[in-house]
Amino acid sequence: MVFEHTPEYASQWAAITSISTKFGMTAETLRTWVRQAERDAGLREGLTTEERERLRELERENRELKRANEILKSAAAFFGSTANRRDDRLHRRGERALRGRADLQASTGRPVYLLRR
């Protein structure tokens, strides 16, 4: 509507202020819409509406990927620190022969009567 009635007014701003009062909105809101319509039509430099939406989508995806990456890094650090320990007694067989029913790696130096039930 602004584009159609601009020749009737002294400037585009005069057309915007006149039309905005008729629709009950501020002139600045209508001016913003007109500028975006000009960008979408290729009359003004800047991002089109579709490009803005795509940019927002990519930024959102980037934030999600960064968050997932941080979670994976912390999980890898946690599991990596426990899996690579040399004193992991649960999964590592002793270099010595087994004593009875269990591998008592930490029992060296204890009296024998404490080791038997």
N, C-alpha and C. Protein backbone atom coordinates (compact mmCIF):
# COMPACT_ATOMS: atom_id res chain seq x y z
N MET A 1 0.82 -1.19 0.00
CA MET A 1 0.00 0.00 0.00
C MET A 1 0.88 1.27 0.00
N VAL A 2 1.97 1.20 0.76
CA VAL A 2 2.89 2.35 0.80
C VAL A 2 3.49 2.57 -0.58
N PHE A 3 3.87 1.49 -1.26
CA PHE A 3 4.48 1.62 -2.58
C PHE A 3 3.48 2.21 -3.59
N GLU A 4 2.22 1.86 -3.45
CA GLU A 4 1.20 2.36 -4.38
C GLU A 4 0.90 3.83 -4.16
N HIS A 5 0.92 4.30 -2.90
CA HIS A 5 0.51 5.67 -2.59
C HIS A 5 1.66 6.64 -2.38
N THR A 6 2.90 6.21 -2.50
CA THR A 6 4.04 7.12 -2.32
C THR A 6 4.02 8.29 -3.31
N PRO A 7 3.65 8.11 -4.59
CA PRO A 7 3.63 9.26 -5.51
C PRO A 7 2.64 10.37 -5.09
N GLU A 8 1.65 10.03 -4.28
CA GLU A 8 0.66 11.02 -3.84
C GLU A 8 1.18 11.92 -2.73
N TYR A 9 2.29 11.54 -2.12
CA TYR A 9 2.85 12.29 -0.98
C TYR A 9 4.19 12.89 -1.37
N ALA A 10 4.67 13.81 -0.52
CA ALA A 10 5.94 14.49 -0.78
C ALA A 10 7.13 13.56 -0.63
N SER A 11 7.02 12.58 0.28
CA SER A 11 8.12 11.62 0.49
C SER A 11 7.52 10.28 0.93
N GLN A 12 8.38 9.29 0.94
CA GLN A 12 7.92 7.98 1.38
C GLN A 12 7.57 8.01 2.87
N TRP A 13 8.31 8.78 3.65
CA TRP A 13 8.02 8.90 5.08
C TRP A 13 6.64 9.50 5.31
N ALA A 14 6.27 10.50 4.51
CA ALA A 14 4.93 11.10 4.65
C ALA A 14 3.86 10.06 4.34
N ALA A 15 4.09 9.22 3.34
CA ALA A 15 3.14 8.17 3.01
C ALA A 15 3.07 7.15 4.15
N ILE A 16 4.19 6.81 4.72
CA ILE A 16 4.23 5.84 5.82
C ILE A 16 3.47 6.37 7.03
N THR A 17 3.72 7.62 7.42
CA THR A 17 3.04 8.17 8.59
C THR A 17 1.54 8.26 8.37
N SER A 18 1.11 8.64 7.18
CA SER A 18 -0.31 8.74 6.87
C SER A 18 -0.99 7.37 6.91
N ILE A 19 -0.39 6.40 6.27
CA ILE A 19 -0.98 5.07 6.20
C ILE A 19 -0.95 4.38 7.56
N SER A 20 0.10 4.60 8.34
CA SER A 20 0.20 3.95 9.65
C SER A 20 -0.89 4.43 10.60
N THR A 21 -1.24 5.71 10.54
CA THR A 21 -2.31 6.20 11.42
C THR A 21 -3.66 5.60 11.03
N LYS A 22 -3.86 5.35 9.75
CA LYS A 22 -5.12 4.74 9.29
C LYS A 22 -5.26 3.30 9.78
N PHE A 23 -4.14 2.61 9.93
CA PHE A 23 -4.18 1.22 10.40
C PHE A 23 -3.96 1.10 11.91
N GLY A 24 -3.72 2.21 12.59
CA GLY A 24 -3.56 2.20 14.04
C GLY A 24 -2.25 1.59 14.52
N MET A 25 -1.20 1.83 13.80
CA MET A 25 0.12 1.35 14.21
C MET A 25 1.10 2.50 14.19
N THR A 26 2.26 2.28 14.77
CA THR A 26 3.26 3.35 14.75
C THR A 26 3.91 3.41 13.37
N ALA A 27 4.39 4.59 13.04
CA ALA A 27 5.03 4.80 11.74
C ALA A 27 6.32 4.00 11.65
N GLU A 28 7.01 3.85 12.78
CA GLU A 28 8.27 3.10 12.78
C GLU A 28 8.05 1.62 12.44
N THR A 29 6.97 1.04 12.95
CA THR A 29 6.65 -0.36 12.63
C THR A 29 6.42 -0.52 11.14
N LEU A 30 5.63 0.35 10.57
CA LEU A 30 5.35 0.28 9.14
C LEU A 30 6.61 0.54 8.32
N ARG A 31 7.45 1.47 8.76
CA ARG A 31 8.69 1.75 8.05
C ARG A 31 9.59 0.53 8.04
N THR A 32 9.66 -0.20 9.16
CA THR A 32 10.47 -1.43 9.23
C THR A 32 9.94 -2.45 8.25
N TRP A 33 8.63 -2.60 8.16
CA TRP A 33 8.03 -3.54 7.22
C TRP A 33 8.31 -3.16 5.77
N VAL A 34 8.25 -1.86 5.50
CA VAL A 34 8.51 -1.37 4.14
C VAL A 34 9.97 -1.64 3.76
N ARG A 35 10.90 -1.39 4.70
CA ARG A 35 12.32 -1.63 4.41
C ARG A 35 12.56 -3.12 4.14
N GLN A 36 11.91 -3.99 4.91
CA GLN A 36 12.08 -5.43 4.69
C GLN A 36 11.48 -5.85 3.36
N ALA A 37 10.35 -5.27 3.00
CA ALA A 37 9.75 -5.58 1.69
C ALA A 37 10.66 -5.12 0.56
N GLU A 38 11.33 -3.99 0.75
CA GLU A 38 12.28 -3.51 -0.26
C GLU A 38 13.46 -4.47 -0.39
N ARG A 39 13.95 -5.01 0.76
CA ARG A 39 15.05 -5.99 0.71
C ARG A 39 14.61 -7.26 0.00
N ASP A 40 13.39 -7.71 0.31
CA ASP A 40 12.88 -8.93 -0.32
C ASP A 40 12.70 -8.77 -1.83
N ALA A 41 12.37 -7.54 -2.26
CA ALA A 41 12.18 -7.26 -3.68
C ALA A 41 13.50 -6.99 -4.40
N GLY A 42 14.59 -6.86 -3.64
CA GLY A 42 15.89 -6.60 -4.25
C GLY A 42 16.15 -5.12 -4.48
N LEU A 43 15.33 -4.25 -3.92
CA LEU A 43 15.51 -2.81 -4.09
C LEU A 43 16.48 -2.21 -3.07
N ARG A 44 16.78 -2.96 -2.03
CA ARG A 44 17.64 -2.47 -0.96
C ARG A 44 18.59 -3.58 -0.55
N GLU A 45 19.80 -3.20 -0.12
CA GLU A 45 20.77 -4.20 0.33
C GLU A 45 20.37 -4.76 1.69
N GLY A 46 20.80 -5.99 1.92
CA GLY A 46 20.54 -6.63 3.21
C GLY A 46 20.00 -8.03 3.02
N LEU A 47 19.77 -8.70 4.14
CA LEU A 47 19.26 -10.07 4.10
C LEU A 47 17.76 -10.09 3.84
N THR A 48 17.35 -10.99 2.97
CA THR A 48 15.92 -11.15 2.73
C THR A 48 15.32 -11.93 3.89
N THR A 49 14.00 -12.01 3.91
CA THR A 49 13.30 -12.72 4.98
C THR A 49 13.72 -14.19 4.99
N GLU A 50 13.82 -14.81 3.83
CA GLU A 50 14.22 -16.21 3.76
C GLU A 50 15.65 -16.41 4.25
N GLU A 51 16.54 -15.48 3.90
CA GLU A 51 17.92 -15.58 4.36
C GLU A 51 18.01 -15.41 5.87
N ARG A 52 17.21 -14.51 6.42
CA ARG A 52 17.20 -14.32 7.88
C ARG A 52 16.73 -15.58 8.59
N GLU A 53 15.67 -16.20 8.06
CA GLU A 53 15.17 -17.43 8.66
C GLU A 53 16.22 -18.54 8.59
N ARG A 54 16.89 -18.66 7.46
CA ARG A 54 17.93 -19.68 7.30
C ARG A 54 19.09 -19.42 8.25
N LEU A 55 19.47 -18.14 8.41
CA LEU A 55 20.54 -17.78 9.33
C LEU A 55 20.16 -18.14 10.76
N ARG A 56 18.94 -17.83 11.17
CA ARG A 56 18.47 -18.19 12.52
C ARG A 56 18.52 -19.71 12.72
N GLU A 57 18.07 -20.46 11.71
CA GLU A 57 18.07 -21.92 11.79
C GLU A 57 19.50 -22.46 11.94
N LEU A 58 20.43 -21.92 11.17
CA LEU A 58 21.82 -22.36 11.24
C LEU A 58 22.45 -22.00 12.59
N GLU A 59 22.13 -20.83 13.12
CA GLU A 59 22.67 -20.44 14.42
C GLU A 59 22.13 -21.35 15.52
N ARG A 60 20.84 -21.69 15.44
CA ARG A 60 20.24 -22.59 16.42
C ARG A 60 20.89 -23.97 16.34
N GLU A 61 21.09 -24.46 15.12
CA GLU A 61 21.73 -25.76 14.93
C GLU A 61 23.17 -25.74 15.45
N ASN A 62 23.86 -24.64 15.21
CA ASN A 62 25.23 -24.48 15.69
C ASN A 62 25.28 -24.53 17.22
N ARG A 63 24.35 -23.84 17.88
CA ARG A 63 24.30 -23.88 19.35
C ARG A 63 24.06 -25.29 19.86
N GLU A 64 23.13 -26.01 19.22
CA GLU A 64 22.83 -27.39 19.64
C GLU A 64 24.04 -28.30 19.44
N LEU A 65 24.74 -28.14 18.32
CA LEU A 65 25.92 -28.96 18.07
C LEU A 65 27.04 -28.66 19.05
N LYS A 66 27.21 -27.39 19.39
CA LYS A 66 28.23 -27.03 20.38
C LYS A 66 27.89 -27.65 21.73
N ARG A 67 26.62 -27.60 22.12
CA ARG A 67 26.18 -28.17 23.38
C ARG A 67 26.42 -29.69 23.39
N ALA A 68 26.05 -30.36 22.29
CA ALA A 68 26.26 -31.81 22.19
C ALA A 68 27.75 -32.14 22.22
N ASN A 69 28.56 -31.32 21.57
CA ASN A 69 30.01 -31.54 21.57
C ASN A 69 30.59 -31.43 22.97
N GLU A 70 30.13 -30.46 23.74
CA GLU A 70 30.61 -30.31 25.12
C GLU A 70 30.21 -31.51 25.96
N ILE A 71 29.00 -32.01 25.76
CA ILE A 71 28.55 -33.19 26.50
C ILE A 71 29.42 -34.38 26.14
N LEU A 72 29.69 -34.57 24.86
CA LEU A 72 30.53 -35.69 24.43
C LEU A 72 31.96 -35.56 24.94
N LYS A 73 32.48 -34.35 24.95
CA LYS A 73 33.84 -34.14 25.47
C LYS A 73 33.91 -34.50 26.95
N SER A 74 32.92 -34.05 27.72
CA SER A 74 32.96 -34.34 29.15
C SER A 74 32.75 -35.83 29.40
N ALA A 75 31.90 -36.49 28.62
CA ALA A 75 31.71 -37.94 28.76
C ALA A 75 32.99 -38.68 28.39
N ALA A 76 33.64 -38.26 27.32
CA ALA A 76 34.89 -38.91 26.92
C ALA A 76 35.96 -38.72 27.97
N ALA A 77 36.01 -37.54 28.56
CA ALA A 77 37.00 -37.29 29.61
C ALA A 77 36.71 -38.15 30.83
N PHE A 78 35.45 -38.29 31.17
CA PHE A 78 35.08 -39.10 32.33
C PHE A 78 35.41 -40.56 32.10
N PHE A 79 34.92 -41.11 30.99
CA PHE A 79 35.15 -42.53 30.73
C PHE A 79 36.59 -42.81 30.35
N GLY A 80 37.23 -41.87 29.71
CA GLY A 80 38.63 -42.06 29.35
C GLY A 80 39.52 -42.07 30.56
N SER A 81 39.21 -41.28 31.56
CA SER A 81 40.06 -41.22 32.75
C SER A 81 39.91 -42.47 33.59
N THR A 82 38.74 -43.12 33.59
CA THR A 82 38.58 -44.33 34.40
C THR A 82 38.97 -45.58 33.63
N ALA A 83 38.85 -45.59 32.31
CA ALA A 83 39.15 -46.79 31.54
C ALA A 83 40.65 -46.99 31.33
N ASN A 84 41.41 -45.94 31.36
CA ASN A 84 42.83 -46.06 31.05
C ASN A 84 43.72 -46.11 32.29
N ARG A 85 43.14 -46.23 33.44
CA ARG A 85 43.96 -46.27 34.66
C ARG A 85 44.66 -47.61 34.77
N ARG A 86 45.89 -47.60 35.24
CA ARG A 86 46.65 -48.84 35.35
C ARG A 86 46.20 -49.66 36.56
N ASP A 87 45.62 -49.03 37.55
CA ASP A 87 45.24 -49.78 38.74
C ASP A 87 43.75 -50.14 38.72
N ASP A 88 43.21 -50.32 37.54
CA ASP A 88 41.80 -50.70 37.40
C ASP A 88 41.67 -52.18 37.74
N ARG A 89 41.35 -52.50 38.96
CA ARG A 89 41.36 -53.87 39.46
C ARG A 89 40.17 -54.68 38.98
N LEU A 90 39.15 -54.02 38.53
CA LEU A 90 37.96 -54.73 38.10
C LEU A 90 38.19 -55.47 36.79
N HIS A 91 38.93 -54.89 35.87
CA HIS A 91 39.07 -55.46 34.54
C HIS A 91 40.46 -55.99 34.24
N ARG A 92 41.40 -55.75 35.11
CA ARG A 92 42.77 -56.13 34.81
C ARG A 92 43.15 -57.38 35.60
N ARG A 93 43.70 -58.34 34.92
CA ARG A 93 44.18 -59.54 35.62
C ARG A 93 45.54 -59.25 36.23
N GLY A 94 45.73 -59.84 37.34
CA GLY A 94 47.01 -59.67 38.01
C GLY A 94 48.12 -60.40 37.30
N GLU A 95 49.30 -59.93 37.46
CA GLU A 95 50.43 -60.59 36.85
C GLU A 95 50.85 -61.80 37.67
N ARG A 96 50.38 -61.86 38.91
CA ARG A 96 50.68 -63.00 39.77
C ARG A 96 49.57 -64.04 39.65
N ALA A 97 49.81 -65.18 40.18
CA ALA A 97 48.80 -66.24 40.18
C ALA A 97 47.67 -65.86 41.13
N LEU A 98 46.48 -66.36 40.85
CA LEU A 98 45.34 -66.08 41.71
C LEU A 98 45.50 -66.79 43.04
N ARG A 99 45.05 -66.15 44.09
CA ARG A 99 45.10 -66.76 45.42
C ARG A 99 43.68 -67.13 45.83
N GLY A 100 43.38 -68.35 45.81
CA GLY A 100 42.06 -68.79 46.25
C GLY A 100 41.01 -68.39 45.24
N ARG A 101 39.95 -67.77 45.71
CA ARG A 101 38.82 -67.43 44.85
C ARG A 101 38.92 -66.04 44.23
N ALA A 102 39.76 -65.20 44.72
CA ALA A 102 39.82 -63.83 44.22
C ALA A 102 41.26 -63.41 44.00
N ASP A 103 41.42 -62.43 43.16
CA ASP A 103 42.74 -61.86 42.92
C ASP A 103 42.93 -60.78 43.97
N LEU A 104 43.78 -61.02 44.92
CA LEU A 104 43.96 -60.10 46.04
C LEU A 104 45.20 -59.24 45.81
N GLN A 105 45.11 -58.35 44.86
CA GLN A 105 46.28 -57.54 44.50
C GLN A 105 46.69 -56.60 45.64
N ALA A 106 45.73 -56.08 46.35
CA ALA A 106 46.04 -55.10 47.38
C ALA A 106 46.35 -55.74 48.73
N SER A 107 46.48 -57.05 48.76
CA SER A 107 46.64 -57.73 50.05
C SER A 107 48.09 -57.98 50.43
N THR A 108 49.03 -57.52 49.67
CA THR A 108 50.43 -57.76 50.00
C THR A 108 50.77 -57.06 51.29
N GLY A 109 51.50 -57.73 52.13
CA GLY A 109 51.93 -57.15 53.39
C GLY A 109 50.97 -57.44 54.53
N ARG A 110 49.84 -58.11 54.27
CA ARG A 110 48.91 -58.46 55.34
C ARG A 110 49.22 -59.86 55.85
N PRO A 111 48.93 -60.11 57.07
CA PRO A 111 49.16 -61.47 57.61
C PRO A 111 48.29 -62.49 56.88
N VAL A 112 48.77 -63.70 56.77
CA VAL A 112 48.09 -64.76 56.05
C VAL A 112 46.77 -65.12 56.70
N TYR A 113 46.65 -65.06 58.03
CA TYR A 113 45.43 -65.46 58.69
C TYR A 113 44.28 -64.47 58.35
N LEU A 114 44.60 -63.26 57.92
CA LEU A 114 43.54 -62.31 57.51
C LEU A 114 43.06 -62.59 56.10
N LEU A 115 43.88 -63.28 55.33
CA LEU A 115 43.51 -63.56 53.95
C LEU A 115 42.61 -64.78 53.85
N ARG A 116 42.63 -65.67 54.83
CA ARG A 116 41.80 -66.88 54.79
C ARG A 116 40.60 -66.70 55.70
N ARG A 117 39.54 -67.28 55.30
CA ARG A 117 38.33 -67.23 56.14
C ARG A 117 38.18 -68.45 56.94
